Amino acid sequence: MAILGYARVSTQDQHLTGQLEALKAAGAEPIFKEKISGARADRPQLAKLIAALKEGDVVLVTKLDRLGRSTRELLDLIERISKAGASFRSLGRHQHDLAPELEPTQAPRRALERPPSEVALLRRLESGRCKPLSHV
């Protein structure tokens, strides 16, 4: 089992340093890195990562939006990761862990079952635009 990291920034002027440090600290090796817009379908390093996956591997990102820009794209990529026998994990504010013991198509289906308002709330929580309520 390997932990394969993926770090991406959208422009050449942005830096990968923070993502690389977090991924290394979490044990990711190798780390696939790109300076390319997430809106582009042709992300060569992401394609290499997907092609390199083996049964039991873990794909690790610092935030969900580093992997996919839309919910649909993210779900498609997670399904491809699952079909390779690997799992997906995000180190974001609210960690997301889709374990391989789920059926390969179960994880994307579970995510689709969330109401749109919950998906929007998860995005706001992860980006820091709102804070979770503390339980009293």
Protein backbone atom coordinates (compact mmCIF):
# COMPACT_ATOMS: atom_id res chain seq x y z
CA MET A 1 0.00 0.00 0.00
CA ALA A 2 1.25 3.44 -0.93
CA ILE A 3 -0.04 6.90 -0.11
CA LEU A 4 0.06 8.91 -3.32
CA GLY A 5 -0.28 12.66 -2.89
CA TYR A 6 -1.70 15.13 -5.37
CA ALA A 7 -0.99 18.86 -5.09
CA ARG A 8 -2.31 21.45 -7.52
CA VAL A 9 -2.37 25.21 -7.84
CA SER A 10 -4.16 27.06 -10.61
CA THR A 11 -1.45 29.42 -11.86
CA GLN A 12 2.32 29.48 -12.28
CA ASP A 13 2.51 32.36 -9.76
CA GLN A 14 1.05 30.29 -6.92
CA HIS A 15 3.14 28.06 -4.68
CA LEU A 16 2.72 24.38 -3.84
CA THR A 17 4.83 24.59 -0.66
CA GLY A 18 2.00 24.39 1.91
CA GLN A 19 0.32 21.47 0.17
CA LEU A 20 3.61 19.61 -0.27
CA GLU A 21 4.51 20.00 3.40
CA ALA A 22 1.09 18.76 4.54
CA LEU A 23 1.15 15.79 2.17
CA LYS A 24 4.70 14.81 3.20
CA ALA A 25 3.77 15.10 6.89
CA ALA A 26 0.85 12.73 6.23
CA GLY A 27 3.20 10.17 4.65
CA ALA A 28 2.47 10.74 0.95
CA GLU A 29 5.17 9.40 -1.37
CA PRO A 30 5.23 10.00 -4.28
CA ILE A 31 3.52 13.36 -4.65
CA PHE A 32 2.19 14.33 -8.08
CA LYS A 33 2.22 18.11 -8.48
CA GLU A 34 0.76 20.48 -11.06
CA LYS A 35 0.50 24.17 -11.74
CA ILE A 36 -2.56 24.05 -13.94
CA SER A 37 -6.16 25.20 -13.74
CA GLY A 38 -8.53 22.64 -12.27
CA ALA A 39 -10.97 23.61 -15.02
CA ARG A 40 -8.73 21.90 -17.58
CA ALA A 41 -9.64 18.33 -18.39
CA ASP A 42 -6.07 17.47 -19.37
CA ARG A 43 -4.12 17.36 -16.12
CA PRO A 44 -1.11 15.16 -16.97
CA GLN A 45 0.06 14.58 -13.40
CA LEU A 46 -3.42 13.59 -12.25
CA ALA A 47 -3.61 11.15 -15.16
CA LYS A 48 -0.23 9.69 -14.12
CA LEU A 49 -1.43 9.34 -10.53
CA ILE A 50 -4.60 7.49 -11.62
CA ALA A 51 -2.55 5.23 -13.92
CA ALA A 52 -0.11 4.42 -11.10
CA LEU A 53 -2.79 3.29 -8.61
CA LYS A 54 -2.67 -0.23 -7.25
CA GLU A 55 -5.02 -2.20 -5.00
CA GLY A 56 -4.89 -0.78 -1.46
CA ASP A 57 -3.29 2.56 -2.38
CA VAL A 58 -4.57 5.83 -0.94
CA VAL A 59 -4.91 9.06 -2.93
CA LEU A 60 -4.32 12.00 -0.61
CA VAL A 61 -5.06 15.71 -1.20
CA THR A 62 -5.01 18.68 1.14
CA LYS A 63 -8.48 19.89 0.10
CA LEU A 64 -11.25 18.47 -2.06
CA ASP A 65 -11.01 21.28 -4.60
CA ARG A 66 -7.41 20.30 -5.40
CA LEU A 67 -8.75 17.10 -6.98
CA GLY A 68 -11.92 18.33 -8.67
CA ARG A 69 -13.62 21.64 -9.30
CA SER A 70 -17.20 20.43 -9.47
CA THR A 71 -19.09 17.83 -7.50
CA ARG A 72 -19.65 15.80 -10.66
CA GLU A 73 -15.94 15.83 -11.57
CA LEU A 74 -14.96 14.96 -8.00
CA LEU A 75 -17.37 12.04 -7.91
CA ASP A 76 -16.14 10.77 -11.29
CA LEU A 77 -12.51 10.88 -10.11
CA ILE A 78 -13.35 9.16 -6.82
CA GLU A 79 -15.15 6.44 -8.77
CA ARG A 80 -12.05 5.93 -10.96
CA ILE A 81 -9.90 5.73 -7.83
CA SER A 82 -12.29 3.19 -6.28
CA LYS A 83 -12.34 1.06 -9.45
CA ALA A 84 -8.54 0.82 -9.19
CA GLY A 85 -9.01 -0.69 -5.70
CA ALA A 86 -7.65 2.44 -4.03
CA SER A 87 -9.22 4.84 -1.57
CA PHE A 88 -9.37 8.63 -1.37
CA ARG A 89 -8.61 10.91 1.55
CA SER A 90 -8.64 14.67 1.99
CA LEU A 91 -6.78 16.49 4.77
CA GLY A 92 -9.17 19.46 4.51
CA ARG A 93 -10.75 21.19 7.47
CA HIS A 94 -13.20 18.31 7.66
CA GLN A 95 -11.35 15.19 6.65
CA HIS A 96 -12.98 12.98 4.04
CA ASP A 97 -12.06 9.34 3.89
CA LEU A 98 -13.59 6.98 1.36
CA ALA A 99 -12.30 3.58 2.36
CA PRO A 100 -11.77 0.71 -0.07
CA GLU A 101 -14.09 -1.59 1.86
CA LEU A 102 -16.97 0.27 0.20
CA GLU A 103 -18.19 -1.18 -3.06
CA PRO A 104 -16.45 0.78 -5.86
CA THR A 105 -19.69 2.51 -6.85
CA GLN A 106 -21.05 2.94 -3.33
CA ALA A 107 -18.93 5.95 -2.31
CA PRO A 108 -19.98 8.21 -5.20
CA ARG A 109 -23.59 7.12 -4.74
CA ARG A 110 -23.46 7.99 -1.02
CA ALA A 111 -22.11 11.43 -1.86
CA LEU A 112 -24.88 11.97 -4.40
CA GLU A 113 -27.47 11.14 -1.75
CA ARG A 114 -26.53 14.28 0.16
CA PRO A 115 -28.99 17.12 -0.40
CA PRO A 116 -27.51 20.08 -2.35
CA SER A 117 -27.78 22.28 0.75
CA GLU A 118 -25.58 19.86 2.71
CA VAL A 119 -23.01 19.75 -0.11
CA ALA A 120 -22.94 23.58 -0.15
CA LEU A 121 -22.54 23.64 3.65
CA LEU A 122 -19.66 21.14 3.50
CA ARG A 123 -17.94 23.34 0.92
CA ARG A 124 -18.38 26.46 3.08
CA LEU A 125 -17.08 24.60 6.14
CA GLU A 126 -14.05 23.31 4.26
CA SER A 127 -13.20 26.72 2.83
CA GLY A 128 -13.52 28.35 6.25
CA ARG A 129 -16.39 30.62 5.17
CA CYS A 130 -18.43 29.34 8.10
CA LYS A 131 -17.65 27.46 11.29
CA PRO A 132 -19.29 24.31 12.64
CA LEU A 133 -21.60 24.75 15.60
CA SER A 134 -20.21 23.55 18.92
CA HIS A 135 -22.26 20.99 20.73
CA VAL A 136 -23.34 22.14 24.19
